Amino acid sequence: MGKGRHAGLEVSDGVAHLAGSPPIAVILRRSAQARRLNLRVSGLDGRVTLTMPRTLSQAEALAFLQEKQAWLRKAVNRVPERRCVAVGEEILLRGALRRITESADLRRVTECEDALLVPPDPDGQRTAPRLAAYLKTAAQADLLAASDTYARALGRPFRIISLRDTRSRWGSCTADGRLMFSWRLIMAPPPVLRYVAAHEVAHLRHMDHSAAFWACVGRLMPDYAEHRNWLRSNGTQLHGYCFNARPAAENG
């Protein structure tokens, strides 16, 4: 895809630039598997992608993009603001905001009242990775404990728990009993984390979302609907935290 212009759209190196406030960059991607145009806004980082069939002309794809401009701007505005994980900023941990605070006396991340204390980080490159590792360890412990409790209550053991940074789901369960969870659940209130654990453990008995499945979730956690609704309403903010270290050039 080369350079060009189409009805107010600048196209360069496979990216269409939609003018306006704010301007929006749309990645143009051709796919042999695509049968129709698919416009997607990532809920994790706000990246916009227009996937198109290989046989469709670029002009047709850009005309489609113009038609969807109003929808696209609303979708982009719904993406949570990216929050940098750095000293002085706040981050959620088990549903409570904690101030990230540097402490010269520490060599590892430590919880203290309403703060997360971190070791000195002169170049600003290590705080975010350290905190991500700390949260993953905490998530592993909390999710293992919750899953074990619910699996025992159900009488269905699981094989293993793994953690990922998934965009589209908070957890999953395979037919052979492997549970997967998003480690970002450790930022949610503890009952929300436990709801996701109960949900996935219930799949050890029902590999679907039938009425029988939801009845099983209800037996494991009678008030699950409240915590499910919290995740639906607030889950996107958990993806707003950016754990990539700041480039050295951006540090003062």
C-alpha atoms as a PDB file:
ATOM      1  CA  MET A   1       0.000   0.000   0.000  1.00  0.00           C
ATOM      2  CA  GLY A   2       1.582   3.231  -1.123  1.00  0.00           C
ATOM      3  CA  LYS A   3       0.864   6.888  -0.564  1.00  0.00           C
ATOM      4  CA  GLY A   4      -2.283   8.675  -1.628  1.00  0.00           C
ATOM      5  CA  ARG A   5      -5.374  10.647  -0.658  1.00  0.00           C
ATOM      6  CA  HIS A   6      -9.017   9.676  -0.604  1.00  0.00           C
ATOM      7  CA  ALA A   7     -11.815  12.042   0.450  1.00  0.00           C
ATOM      8  CA  GLY A   8      -9.808  13.702   3.214  1.00  0.00           C
ATOM      9  CA  LEU A   9      -7.803  10.616   4.164  1.00  0.00           C
ATOM     10  CA  GLU A  10      -4.022  10.661   3.847  1.00  0.00           C
ATOM     11  CA  VAL A  11      -2.564   7.205   3.214  1.00  0.00           C
ATOM     12  CA  SER A  12       1.110   6.434   3.774  1.00  0.00           C
ATOM     13  CA  ASP A  13       2.966   3.158   4.312  1.00  0.00           C
ATOM     14  CA  GLY A  14      -0.161   1.148   5.033  1.00  0.00           C
ATOM     15  CA  VAL A  15      -1.684   3.650   7.448  1.00  0.00           C
ATOM     16  CA  ALA A  16      -4.699   5.873   6.757  1.00  0.00           C
ATOM     17  CA  HIS A  17      -4.685   9.151   8.658  1.00  0.00           C
ATOM     18  CA  LEU A  18      -8.148  10.454   9.453  1.00  0.00           C
ATOM     19  CA  ALA A  19      -8.132  14.213  10.045  1.00  0.00           C
ATOM     20  CA  GLY A  20     -10.135  15.714  12.885  1.00  0.00           C
ATOM     21  CA  SER A  21      -9.948  16.187  16.627  1.00  0.00           C
ATOM     22  CA  PRO A  22      -8.226  14.066  17.536  1.00  0.00           C
ATOM     23  CA  PRO A  23      -6.651  12.743  14.325  1.00  0.00           C
ATOM     24  CA  ILE A  24      -6.870   8.948  14.065  1.00  0.00           C
ATOM     25  CA  ALA A  25      -4.316   6.605  12.485  1.00  0.00           C
ATOM     26  CA  VAL A  26      -5.848   3.450  11.001  1.00  0.00           C
ATOM     27  CA  ILE A  27      -3.620   0.480  10.162  1.00  0.00           C
ATOM     28  CA  LEU A  28      -4.653  -1.053   6.822  1.00  0.00           C
ATOM     29  CA  ARG A  29      -4.152  -4.817   6.768  1.00  0.00           C
ATOM     30  CA  ARG A  30      -4.933  -7.270   3.986  1.00  0.00           C
ATOM     31  CA  SER A  31      -5.811 -10.839   4.878  1.00  0.00           C
ATOM     32  CA  ALA A  32      -6.309 -13.911   2.723  1.00  0.00           C
ATOM     33  CA  GLN A  33      -8.816 -15.188   5.312  1.00  0.00           C
ATOM     34  CA  ALA A  34     -10.907 -12.015   5.432  1.00  0.00           C
ATOM     35  CA  ARG A  35     -14.233 -12.221   3.596  1.00  0.00           C
ATOM     36  CA  ARG A  36     -15.408  -8.720   4.496  1.00  0.00           C
ATOM     37  CA  LEU A  37     -14.116  -5.467   5.928  1.00  0.00           C
ATOM     38  CA  ASN A  38     -13.489  -5.498   9.669  1.00  0.00           C
ATOM     39  CA  LEU A  39     -12.826  -2.263  11.570  1.00  0.00           C
ATOM     40  CA  ARG A  40     -11.521  -2.861  15.097  1.00  0.00           C
ATOM     41  CA  VAL A  41     -10.446  -0.622  17.969  1.00  0.00           C
ATOM     42  CA  SER A  42      -8.260  -2.342  20.555  1.00  0.00           C
ATOM     43  CA  GLY A  43      -9.607  -1.915  24.061  1.00  0.00           C
ATOM     44  CA  LEU A  44      -6.071  -2.326  25.369  1.00  0.00           C
ATOM     45  CA  ASP A  45      -4.115   0.383  23.581  1.00  0.00           C
ATOM     46  CA  GLY A  46      -6.643   2.105  21.296  1.00  0.00           C
ATOM     47  CA  ARG A  47      -4.946   0.893  18.126  1.00  0.00           C
ATOM     48  CA  VAL A  48      -7.291   1.002  15.112  1.00  0.00           C
ATOM     49  CA  THR A  49      -7.056  -1.671  12.411  1.00  0.00           C
ATOM     50  CA  LEU A  50      -9.034  -2.061   9.196  1.00  0.00           C
ATOM     51  CA  THR A  51      -8.716  -5.615   7.885  1.00  0.00           C
ATOM     52  CA  MET A  52      -9.730  -6.112   4.261  1.00  0.00           C
ATOM     53  CA  PRO A  53      -9.943  -8.987   1.768  1.00  0.00           C
ATOM     54  CA  ARG A  54      -7.013  -9.211  -0.611  1.00  0.00           C
ATOM     55  CA  THR A  55      -9.221  -8.691  -3.660  1.00  0.00           C
ATOM     56  CA  LEU A  56     -10.867  -5.493  -2.388  1.00  0.00           C
ATOM     57  CA  SER A  57      -9.542  -2.208  -3.734  1.00  0.00           C
ATOM     58  CA  GLN A  58      -8.019   0.303  -1.350  1.00  0.00           C
ATOM     59  CA  ALA A  59     -10.487   2.936  -2.567  1.00  0.00           C
ATOM     60  CA  GLU A  60     -13.431   0.778  -1.476  1.00  0.00           C
ATOM     61  CA  ALA A  61     -11.837   0.174   1.914  1.00  0.00           C
ATOM     62  CA  LEU A  62     -11.235   3.900   2.465  1.00  0.00           C
ATOM     63  CA  ALA A  63     -14.803   4.723   1.429  1.00  0.00           C
ATOM     64  CA  PHE A  64     -15.979   2.247   4.075  1.00  0.00           C
ATOM     65  CA  LEU A  65     -13.712   3.917   6.613  1.00  0.00           C
ATOM     66  CA  GLN A  66     -15.236   7.306   5.840  1.00  0.00           C
ATOM     67  CA  GLU A  67     -18.755   5.894   6.278  1.00  0.00           C
ATOM     68  CA  LYS A  68     -17.792   4.521   9.708  1.00  0.00           C
ATOM     69  CA  GLN A  69     -16.070   7.698  10.883  1.00  0.00           C
ATOM     70  CA  ALA A  70     -18.754   8.660  13.454  1.00  0.00           C
ATOM     71  CA  TRP A  71     -18.799   5.149  14.943  1.00  0.00           C
ATOM     72  CA  LEU A  72     -15.009   5.039  14.972  1.00  0.00           C
ATOM     73  CA  ARG A  73     -14.653   8.292  16.910  1.00  0.00           C
ATOM     74  CA  LYS A  74     -17.103   7.080  19.552  1.00  0.00           C
ATOM     75  CA  ALA A  75     -15.238   3.782  19.851  1.00  0.00           C
ATOM     76  CA  VAL A  76     -11.863   5.533  20.193  1.00  0.00           C
ATOM     77  CA  ASN A  77     -13.271   7.844  22.880  1.00  0.00           C
ATOM     78  CA  ARG A  78     -14.398   4.814  24.909  1.00  0.00           C
ATOM     79  CA  VAL A  79     -10.843   3.448  25.146  1.00  0.00           C
ATOM     80  CA  PRO A  80      -9.517   4.149  28.652  1.00  0.00           C
ATOM     81  CA  GLU A  81      -6.753   6.689  29.041  1.00  0.00           C
ATOM     82  CA  ARG A  82      -3.326   5.085  29.129  1.00  0.00           C
ATOM     83  CA  ARG A  83      -1.814   5.355  32.595  1.00  0.00           C
ATOM     84  CA  CYS A  84       1.932   5.287  32.946  1.00  0.00           C
ATOM     85  CA  VAL A  85       3.219   3.056  35.744  1.00  0.00           C
ATOM     86  CA  ALA A  86       5.920   5.166  37.343  1.00  0.00           C
ATOM     87  CA  VAL A  87       7.023   6.650  40.656  1.00  0.00           C
ATOM     88  CA  GLY A  88       4.485   9.221  41.848  1.00  0.00           C
ATOM     89  CA  GLU A  89       1.572   7.684  39.949  1.00  0.00           C
ATOM     90  CA  GLU A  90      -1.258   5.620  41.440  1.00  0.00           C
ATOM     91  CA  ILE A  91      -2.169   2.052  40.567  1.00  0.00           C
ATOM     92  CA  LEU A  92      -4.991  -0.264  41.574  1.00  0.00           C
ATOM     93  CA  LEU A  93      -4.191  -3.275  43.727  1.00  0.00           C
ATOM     94  CA  ARG A  94      -7.050  -5.470  44.950  1.00  0.00           C
ATOM     95  CA  GLY A  95      -9.482  -2.659  44.208  1.00  0.00           C
ATOM     96  CA  ALA A  96      -7.639   0.091  46.122  1.00  0.00           C
ATOM     97  CA  LEU A  97      -5.465   2.843  44.693  1.00  0.00           C
ATOM     98  CA  ARG A  98      -1.843   2.713  45.844  1.00  0.00           C
ATOM     99  CA  ARG A  99       0.705   5.463  45.304  1.00  0.00           C
ATOM    100  CA  ILE A 100       3.934   4.224  43.729  1.00  0.00           C
ATOM    101  CA  THR A 101       6.600   5.563  46.065  1.00  0.00           C
ATOM    102  CA  GLU A 102      10.369   5.235  45.871  1.00  0.00           C
ATOM    103  CA  SER A 103      12.243   4.076  48.962  1.00  0.00           C
ATOM    104  CA  ALA A 104      16.034   4.119  49.176  1.00  0.00           C
ATOM    105  CA  ASP A 105      16.030   1.351  51.776  1.00  0.00           C
ATOM    106  CA  LEU A 106      14.340  -1.308  49.622  1.00  0.00           C
ATOM    107  CA  ARG A 107      15.571  -3.866  47.126  1.00  0.00           C
ATOM    108  CA  ARG A 108      12.125  -5.214  46.190  1.00  0.00           C
ATOM    109  CA  VAL A 109       8.532  -4.002  45.833  1.00  0.00           C
ATOM    110  CA  THR A 110       6.751  -3.773  49.200  1.00  0.00           C
ATOM    111  CA  GLU A 111       3.147  -2.966  50.156  1.00  0.00           C
ATOM    112  CA  CYS A 112       2.703  -0.323  52.849  1.00  0.00           C
ATOM    113  CA  GLU A 113      -0.747   1.005  53.800  1.00  0.00           C
ATOM    114  CA  ASP A 114      -1.923   2.997  50.756  1.00  0.00           C
ATOM    115  CA  ALA A 115       1.398   2.821  48.894  1.00  0.00           C
ATOM    116  CA  LEU A 116       3.522   0.458  46.870  1.00  0.00           C
ATOM    117  CA  LEU A 117       7.137   1.068  47.798  1.00  0.00           C
ATOM    118  CA  VAL A 118       9.722   0.457  45.068  1.00  0.00           C
ATOM    119  CA  PRO A 119      13.543   0.475  45.046  1.00  0.00           C
ATOM    120  CA  PRO A 120      15.404   3.451  43.543  1.00  0.00           C
ATOM    121  CA  ASP A 121      15.227   3.617  39.749  1.00  0.00           C
ATOM    122  CA  PRO A 122      17.537   6.393  38.482  1.00  0.00           C
ATOM    123  CA  ASP A 123      16.876   5.878  34.765  1.00  0.00           C
ATOM    124  CA  GLY A 124      13.146   5.125  35.109  1.00  0.00           C
ATOM    125  CA  GLN A 125      13.465   1.787  33.319  1.00  0.00           C
ATOM    126  CA  ARG A 126      12.938  -0.763  36.087  1.00  0.00           C
ATOM    127  CA  THR A 127       9.945   0.399  38.138  1.00  0.00           C
ATOM    128  CA  ALA A 128       7.227  -0.721  35.691  1.00  0.00           C
ATOM    129  CA  PRO A 129       8.715  -4.204  35.044  1.00  0.00           C
ATOM    130  CA  ARG A 130       9.276  -4.691  38.785  1.00  0.00           C
ATOM    131  CA  LEU A 131       5.668  -3.810  39.542  1.00  0.00           C
ATOM    132  CA  ALA A 132       4.375  -6.045  36.747  1.00  0.00           C
ATOM    133  CA  ALA A 133       6.350  -8.970  38.196  1.00  0.00           C
ATOM    134  CA  TYR A 134       5.033  -8.184  41.685  1.00  0.00           C
ATOM    135  CA  LEU A 135       1.420  -8.077  40.464  1.00  0.00           C
ATOM    136  CA  LYS A 136       1.811 -11.340  38.551  1.00  0.00           C
ATOM    137  CA  THR A 137       3.142 -13.090  41.654  1.00  0.00           C
ATOM    138  CA  ALA A 138       0.263 -11.720  43.746  1.00  0.00           C
ATOM    139  CA  ALA A 139      -2.257 -12.712  41.062  1.00  0.00           C
ATOM    140  CA  GLN A 140      -0.857 -16.240  40.881  1.00  0.00           C
ATOM    141  CA  ALA A 141      -1.246 -16.665  44.655  1.00  0.00           C
ATOM    142  CA  ASP A 142      -4.771 -15.220  44.862  1.00  0.00           C
ATOM    143  CA  LEU A 143      -6.093 -17.039  41.796  1.00  0.00           C
ATOM    144  CA  LEU A 144      -4.566 -20.346  42.877  1.00  0.00           C
ATOM    145  CA  ALA A 145      -6.182 -20.049  46.309  1.00  0.00           C
ATOM    146  CA  ALA A 146      -9.597 -19.090  44.890  1.00  0.00           C
ATOM    147  CA  SER A 147      -9.532 -21.763  42.182  1.00  0.00           C
ATOM    148  CA  ASP A 148      -8.505 -24.417  44.689  1.00  0.00           C
ATOM    149  CA  THR A 149     -11.368 -23.438  47.024  1.00  0.00           C
ATOM    150  CA  TYR A 150     -13.977 -23.614  44.267  1.00  0.00           C
ATOM    151  CA  ALA A 151     -12.565 -26.779  42.708  1.00  0.00           C
ATOM    152  CA  ARG A 152     -12.751 -28.528  46.072  1.00  0.00           C
ATOM    153  CA  ALA A 153     -16.344 -27.357  46.540  1.00  0.00           C
ATOM    154  CA  LEU A 154     -17.218 -28.635  43.066  1.00  0.00           C
ATOM    155  CA  GLY A 155     -15.297 -31.872  43.407  1.00  0.00           C
ATOM    156  CA  ARG A 156     -13.532 -31.274  40.097  1.00  0.00           C
ATOM    157  CA  PRO A 157      -9.743 -30.782  40.262  1.00  0.00           C
ATOM    158  CA  PHE A 158      -7.895 -28.624  37.751  1.00  0.00           C
ATOM    159  CA  ARG A 159      -4.506 -29.477  36.259  1.00  0.00           C
ATOM    160  CA  ILE A 160      -2.620 -26.207  36.190  1.00  0.00           C
ATOM    161  CA  ILE A 161      -3.064 -22.425  36.324  1.00  0.00           C
ATOM    162  CA  SER A 162      -1.324 -20.051  33.924  1.00  0.00           C
ATOM    163  CA  LEU A 163      -1.359 -16.266  33.667  1.00  0.00           C
ATOM    164  CA  ARG A 164      -1.422 -14.092  30.557  1.00  0.00           C
ATOM    165  CA  ASP A 165      -2.076 -10.488  29.624  1.00  0.00           C
ATOM    166  CA  THR A 166      -5.134 -11.216  27.505  1.00  0.00           C
ATOM    167  CA  ARG A 167      -7.144  -8.567  25.698  1.00  0.00           C
ATOM    168  CA  SER A 168     -10.451 -10.283  25.004  1.00  0.00           C
ATOM    169  CA  ARG A 169     -11.085 -12.501  28.025  1.00  0.00           C
ATOM    170  CA  TRP A 170     -10.381 -12.615  31.739  1.00  0.00           C
ATOM    171  CA  GLY A 171     -10.043 -16.371  31.953  1.00  0.00           C
ATOM    172  CA  SER A 172     -10.489 -19.669  30.154  1.00  0.00           C
ATOM    173  CA  CYS A 173     -10.717 -23.380  30.871  1.00  0.00           C
ATOM    174  CA  THR A 174      -9.665 -26.207  28.575  1.00  0.00           C
ATOM    175  CA  ALA A 175     -11.317 -29.607  28.331  1.00  0.00           C
ATOM    176  CA  ASP A 176      -8.328 -31.206  30.085  1.00  0.00           C
ATOM    177  CA  GLY A 177      -8.607 -28.923  33.115  1.00  0.00           C
ATOM    178  CA  ARG A 178      -6.107 -26.158  32.400  1.00  0.00           C
ATOM    179  CA  LEU A 179      -7.145 -22.765  33.770  1.00  0.00           C
ATOM    180  CA  MET A 180      -5.851 -19.499  32.337  1.00  0.00           C
ATOM    181  CA  PHE A 181      -6.386 -16.040  33.855  1.00  0.00           C
ATOM    182  CA  SER A 182      -5.437 -12.449  33.138  1.00  0.00           C
ATOM    183  CA  TRP A 183      -2.958 -11.353  35.794  1.00  0.00           C
ATOM    184  CA  ARG A 184      -4.551  -7.890  35.705  1.00  0.00           C
ATOM    185  CA  LEU A 185      -7.390  -9.312  37.810  1.00  0.00           C
ATOM    186  CA  ILE A 186      -5.193  -8.638  40.861  1.00  0.00           C
ATOM    187  CA  MET A 187      -6.008  -4.956  40.354  1.00  0.00           C
ATOM    188  CA  ALA A 188      -9.754  -5.598  40.706  1.00  0.00           C
ATOM    189  CA  PRO A 189     -11.551  -5.935  44.065  1.00  0.00           C
ATOM    190  CA  PRO A 190     -10.917  -9.440  45.518  1.00  0.00           C
ATOM    191  CA  PRO A 191     -14.535 -10.634  45.023  1.00  0.00           C
ATOM    192  CA  VAL A 192     -14.229  -9.834  41.311  1.00  0.00           C
ATOM    193  CA  LEU A 193     -11.085 -11.962  41.042  1.00  0.00           C
ATOM    194  CA  ARG A 194     -12.855 -14.757  42.917  1.00  0.00           C
ATOM    195  CA  TYR A 195     -15.845 -14.509  40.563  1.00  0.00           C
ATOM    196  CA  VAL A 196     -13.626 -15.124  37.540  1.00  0.00           C
ATOM    197  CA  ALA A 197     -12.056 -18.086  39.353  1.00  0.00           C
ATOM    198  CA  ALA A 198     -15.520 -19.496  40.125  1.00  0.00           C
ATOM    199  CA  HIS A 199     -16.572 -18.946  36.508  1.00  0.00           C
ATOM    200  CA  GLU A 200     -13.640 -20.879  35.091  1.00  0.00           C
ATOM    201  CA  VAL A 201     -13.836 -23.645  37.693  1.00  0.00           C
ATOM    202  CA  ALA A 202     -17.519 -24.116  36.814  1.00  0.00           C
ATOM    203  CA  HIS A 203     -16.348 -24.896  33.273  1.00  0.00           C
ATOM    204  CA  LEU A 204     -14.661 -28.003  34.676  1.00  0.00           C
ATOM    205  CA  ARG A 205     -18.179 -29.428  34.855  1.00  0.00           C
ATOM    206  CA  HIS A 206     -19.958 -27.494  32.079  1.00  0.00           C
ATOM    207  CA  MET A 207     -17.915 -26.539  28.999  1.00  0.00           C
ATOM    208  CA  ASP A 208     -20.542 -24.062  27.836  1.00  0.00           C
ATOM    209  CA  HIS A 209     -22.593 -21.129  29.095  1.00  0.00           C
ATOM    210  CA  SER A 210     -25.853 -22.995  29.529  1.00  0.00           C
ATOM    211  CA  ALA A 211     -28.372 -22.459  32.309  1.00  0.00           C
ATOM    212  CA  ALA A 212     -26.778 -25.407  34.098  1.00  0.00           C
ATOM    213  CA  PHE A 213     -23.400 -23.664  33.930  1.00  0.00           C
ATOM    214  CA  TRP A 214     -24.701 -20.424  35.448  1.00  0.00           C
ATOM    215  CA  ALA A 215     -26.528 -22.379  38.133  1.00  0.00           C
ATOM    216  CA  CYS A 216     -23.200 -23.995  38.978  1.00  0.00           C
ATOM    217  CA  VAL A 217     -21.507 -20.569  39.202  1.00  0.00           C
ATOM    218  CA  GLY A 218     -24.352 -19.440  41.462  1.00  0.00           C
ATOM    219  CA  ARG A 219     -23.803 -22.349  43.822  1.00  0.00           C
ATOM    220  CA  LEU A 220     -20.105 -21.551  44.039  1.00  0.00           C
ATOM    221  CA  MET A 221     -20.682 -17.795  44.436  1.00  0.00           C
ATOM    222  CA  PRO A 222     -24.302 -16.771  45.087  1.00  0.00           C
ATOM    223  CA  ASP A 223     -23.646 -13.023  44.536  1.00  0.00           C
ATOM    224  CA  TYR A 224     -21.588 -13.510  41.347  1.00  0.00           C
ATOM    225  CA  ALA A 225     -23.803 -11.159  39.262  1.00  0.00           C
ATOM    226  CA  GLU A 226     -22.634  -8.107  41.223  1.00  0.00           C
ATOM    227  CA  HIS A 227     -18.985  -8.884  40.561  1.00  0.00           C
ATOM    228  CA  ARG A 228     -19.622  -9.825  36.933  1.00  0.00           C
ATOM    229  CA  ASN A 229     -21.257  -6.413  36.424  1.00  0.00           C
ATOM    230  CA  TRP A 230     -18.284  -4.652  38.042  1.00  0.00           C
ATOM    231  CA  LEU A 231     -15.963  -6.282  35.550  1.00  0.00           C
ATOM    232  CA  ARG A 232     -18.200  -5.333  32.635  1.00  0.00           C
ATOM    233  CA  SER A 233     -18.347  -1.706  33.774  1.00  0.00           C
ATOM    234  CA  ASN A 234     -14.784  -1.210  35.008  1.00  0.00           C
ATOM    235  CA  GLY A 235     -12.655  -3.906  33.420  1.00  0.00           C
ATOM    236  CA  THR A 236     -11.305  -1.689  30.657  1.00  0.00           C
ATOM    237  CA  GLN A 237      -9.536   0.567  33.157  1.00  0.00           C
ATOM    238  CA  LEU A 238      -7.393  -2.371  34.246  1.00  0.00           C
ATOM    239  CA  HIS A 239      -6.036  -2.521  30.705  1.00  0.00           C
ATOM    240  CA  GLY A 240      -5.259   1.203  30.810  1.00  0.00           C
ATOM    241  CA  TYR A 241      -2.116   0.701  32.887  1.00  0.00           C
ATOM    242  CA  CYS A 242       0.986   0.652  30.715  1.00  0.00           C
ATOM    243  CA  PHE A 243       3.850  -1.437  32.094  1.00  0.00           C
ATOM    244  CA  ASN A 244       6.315  -0.704  29.298  1.00  0.00           C
ATOM    245  CA  ALA A 245       9.382   1.074  30.638  1.00  0.00           C
ATOM    246  CA  ARG A 246       9.668   4.673  29.550  1.00  0.00           C
ATOM    247  CA  PRO A 247      12.202   5.273  26.765  1.00  0.00           C
ATOM    248  CA  ALA A 248      15.386   6.735  28.206  1.00  0.00           C
ATOM    249  CA  ALA A 249      14.998   9.867  26.059  1.00  0.00           C
ATOM    250  CA  GLU A 250      11.723  10.680  27.813  1.00  0.00           C
ATOM    251  CA  ASN A 251      13.145  10.582  31.320  1.00  0.00           C
ATOM    252  CA  GLY A 252      14.227  13.871  32.861  1.00  0.00           C
END
